[in-house]
Amino acid sequence: MGTNELSALLWKERELLELLHFKLEEEHLLLVSGKSQWIPLATREIENILEKVHAAGLARALEASQLASTWGIDAASPLSRIIEAAPPGPWNEILTAHLTALRNTTAEITRLRDANEQYLRAAYRSTQETLANLGEDTSLYGPSGTSAGHNSGAHIIDTNL
């Protein structure tokens, strides 16, 4: 185990994060286009990738702690500290490139996740307001068995959420 293994694990983690970014982008497009029937499937795919990202992160953390110990620094050191302790040679540059890519991808994922969450909250709020404005309380029935406040007027519902 060593630097090569850590670099390979960082590549794997980067690939998984890029896949997560893609799936979040896919979910965003579904939300914007109103294809809500596919949201549960997209969410499941995202959850599966998140599990893989978590496992890859654990494997990377374990390898990084072993490498940190080998290089004479605290085993709990973050990747940035491990990079600082790297011996002369190409590993400093390679590990720095990994760290930069991980940070950039994570920032994009966070931005997209927040946008999707905001869109979902707005859609939920709009749905709740629409249902509240229908004005009928279907829990109350009159003597004839019909809804007590039955209003036969038409309602316009915006289906473009």
Protein backbone atom coordinates (compact mmCIF):
# COMPACT_ATOMS: atom_id res chain seq x y z
CA MET A 1 0.00 0.00 0.00
CA GLY A 2 1.17 3.53 -0.66
CA THR A 3 0.97 6.54 -2.89
CA ASN A 4 -0.04 4.63 -6.04
CA GLU A 5 -2.94 3.03 -4.19
CA LEU A 6 -4.03 6.37 -2.74
CA SER A 7 -3.94 7.95 -6.19
CA ALA A 8 -6.01 5.08 -7.62
CA LEU A 9 -8.59 5.48 -4.84
CA LEU A 10 -8.73 9.23 -5.45
CA TRP A 11 -9.39 8.57 -9.15
CA LYS A 12 -12.21 6.20 -8.24
CA GLU A 13 -13.71 8.75 -5.86
CA ARG A 14 -13.46 11.47 -8.51
CA GLU A 15 -15.25 9.27 -11.05
CA LEU A 16 -18.03 8.53 -8.58
CA LEU A 17 -18.43 12.22 -7.76
CA GLU A 18 -18.61 13.06 -11.47
CA LEU A 19 -21.30 10.40 -11.87
CA LEU A 20 -23.16 11.90 -8.91
CA HIS A 21 -22.89 15.33 -10.52
CA PHE A 22 -24.33 13.89 -13.74
CA LYS A 23 -27.23 12.22 -11.91
CA LEU A 24 -28.04 15.44 -10.05
CA GLU A 25 -28.00 17.30 -13.38
CA GLU A 26 -30.31 14.63 -14.77
CA GLU A 27 -32.66 15.07 -11.80
CA HIS A 28 -32.59 18.83 -12.31
CA LEU A 29 -33.61 18.44 -15.96
CA LEU A 30 -36.46 16.15 -14.94
CA LEU A 31 -37.65 18.69 -12.38
CA VAL A 32 -37.49 21.60 -14.81
CA SER A 33 -39.27 19.69 -17.58
CA GLY A 34 -42.05 18.54 -15.25
CA LYS A 35 -41.33 14.83 -15.71
CA SER A 36 -42.09 14.14 -12.07
CA GLN A 37 -42.89 10.46 -12.64
CA TRP A 38 -39.13 9.81 -13.03
CA ILE A 39 -38.01 11.65 -9.88
CA PRO A 40 -38.23 8.57 -7.59
CA LEU A 41 -36.03 6.57 -9.99
CA ALA A 42 -33.51 9.41 -10.26
CA THR A 43 -33.48 9.75 -6.47
CA ARG A 44 -32.82 6.02 -6.04
CA GLU A 45 -29.92 6.21 -8.48
CA ILE A 46 -28.48 9.17 -6.57
CA GLU A 47 -28.80 7.29 -3.27
CA ASN A 48 -26.99 4.27 -4.75
CA ILE A 49 -24.14 6.46 -5.96
CA LEU A 50 -23.95 8.20 -2.58
CA GLU A 51 -23.45 4.81 -0.91
CA LYS A 52 -20.59 4.07 -3.33
CA VAL A 53 -19.08 7.52 -2.71
CA HIS A 54 -19.23 6.89 1.03
CA ALA A 55 -17.48 3.52 0.68
CA ALA A 56 -14.85 5.01 -1.62
CA GLY A 57 -14.28 7.85 0.85
CA LEU A 58 -13.73 5.38 3.67
CA ALA A 59 -11.27 3.35 1.61
CA ARG A 60 -9.44 6.54 0.64
CA ALA A 61 -9.32 7.75 4.26
CA LEU A 62 -7.85 4.43 5.39
CA GLU A 63 -5.19 4.48 2.69
CA ALA A 64 -4.42 8.16 3.38
CA SER A 65 -3.97 7.48 7.10
CA GLN A 66 -1.55 4.65 6.37
CA LEU A 67 0.40 6.86 3.97
CA ALA A 68 0.44 9.72 6.48
CA SER A 69 1.93 7.40 9.10
CA THR A 70 4.53 6.22 6.59
CA TRP A 71 5.49 9.83 5.86
CA GLY A 72 5.79 10.61 9.58
CA ILE A 73 2.70 12.74 10.13
CA ASP A 74 -0.46 12.21 12.14
CA ALA A 75 -2.61 9.41 10.70
CA ALA A 76 -5.70 11.62 10.98
CA SER A 77 -4.17 14.32 8.77
CA PRO A 78 -6.32 15.65 5.93
CA LEU A 79 -5.21 15.19 2.34
CA SER A 80 -3.92 18.78 2.20
CA ARG A 81 -1.50 18.05 5.07
CA ILE A 82 -0.43 14.77 3.45
CA ILE A 83 0.34 16.71 0.27
CA GLU A 84 2.53 19.11 2.25
CA ALA A 85 4.45 16.15 3.71
CA ALA A 86 4.98 14.47 0.33
CA PRO A 87 8.60 13.70 -0.45
CA PRO A 88 10.23 15.51 -3.38
CA GLY A 89 8.95 14.24 -6.69
CA PRO A 90 5.74 14.18 -8.69
CA TRP A 91 3.40 13.05 -5.89
CA ASN A 92 2.87 16.55 -4.55
CA GLU A 93 1.59 17.73 -7.92
CA ILE A 94 -0.49 14.59 -8.58
CA LEU A 95 -2.17 14.64 -5.16
CA THR A 96 -2.76 18.40 -5.43
CA ALA A 97 -4.51 17.87 -8.78
CA HIS A 98 -6.73 15.22 -7.17
CA LEU A 99 -7.59 17.49 -4.25
CA THR A 100 -8.39 20.43 -6.53
CA ALA A 101 -10.63 18.27 -8.74
CA LEU A 102 -12.42 16.82 -5.69
CA ARG A 103 -13.05 20.29 -4.28
CA ASN A 104 -14.34 21.65 -7.61
CA THR A 105 -16.65 18.70 -8.24
CA THR A 106 -17.94 18.83 -4.66
CA ALA A 107 -18.71 22.55 -5.04
CA GLU A 108 -20.67 21.87 -8.23
CA ILE A 109 -22.56 19.01 -6.57
CA THR A 110 -23.46 21.24 -3.62
CA ARG A 111 -24.68 24.01 -5.93
CA LEU A 112 -26.81 21.62 -7.98
CA ARG A 113 -28.18 19.83 -4.92
CA ASP A 114 -29.24 23.15 -3.43
CA ALA A 115 -30.91 24.21 -6.70
CA ASN A 116 -32.81 20.91 -6.91
CA GLU A 117 -33.89 21.19 -3.29
CA GLN A 118 -35.12 24.75 -3.84
CA TYR A 119 -37.05 23.67 -6.93
CA LEU A 120 -38.67 20.77 -5.04
CA ARG A 121 -39.64 23.04 -2.14
CA ALA A 122 -41.21 25.56 -4.53
CA ALA A 123 -43.15 22.81 -6.31
CA TYR A 124 -44.36 21.39 -2.99
CA ARG A 125 -45.41 24.83 -1.75
CA SER A 126 -47.23 25.53 -5.02
CA THR A 127 -49.06 22.21 -4.80
CA GLN A 128 -50.08 22.88 -1.20
CA GLU A 129 -51.37 26.35 -2.10
CA THR A 130 -53.31 24.99 -5.07
CA LEU A 131 -54.95 22.33 -2.94
CA ALA A 132 -55.78 24.87 -0.23
CA ASN A 133 -57.35 27.21 -2.77
CA LEU A 134 -59.72 24.57 -4.06
CA GLY A 135 -61.79 25.54 -1.02
CA GLU A 136 -63.68 22.33 -0.47
CA ASP A 137 -63.61 20.45 2.78
CA THR A 138 -64.34 16.93 1.63
CA SER A 139 -64.38 15.64 5.19
CA LEU A 140 -67.84 17.16 5.78
CA TYR A 141 -70.96 15.62 4.27
CA GLY A 142 -74.52 16.86 4.23
CA PRO A 143 -77.71 14.83 4.82
CA SER A 144 -77.93 13.83 1.15
CA GLY A 145 -74.43 12.27 1.26
CA THR A 146 -72.81 14.98 -0.82
CA SER A 147 -70.00 17.22 0.33
CA ALA A 148 -71.38 19.88 2.67
CA GLY A 149 -69.70 22.82 1.02
CA HIS A 150 -69.92 21.30 -2.45
CA ASN A 151 -69.08 23.88 -5.02
CA SER A 152 -69.69 22.76 -8.57
CA GLY A 153 -67.73 25.66 -10.02
CA ALA A 154 -64.76 24.99 -12.21
CA HIS A 155 -61.21 25.30 -10.89
CA ILE A 156 -58.14 26.12 -12.93
CA ILE A 157 -55.07 24.19 -11.90
CA ASP A 158 -51.65 25.07 -13.30
CA THR A 159 -50.05 21.76 -14.26
CA ASN A 160 -46.70 23.36 -15.14
CA LEU A 161 -44.93 23.07 -11.79
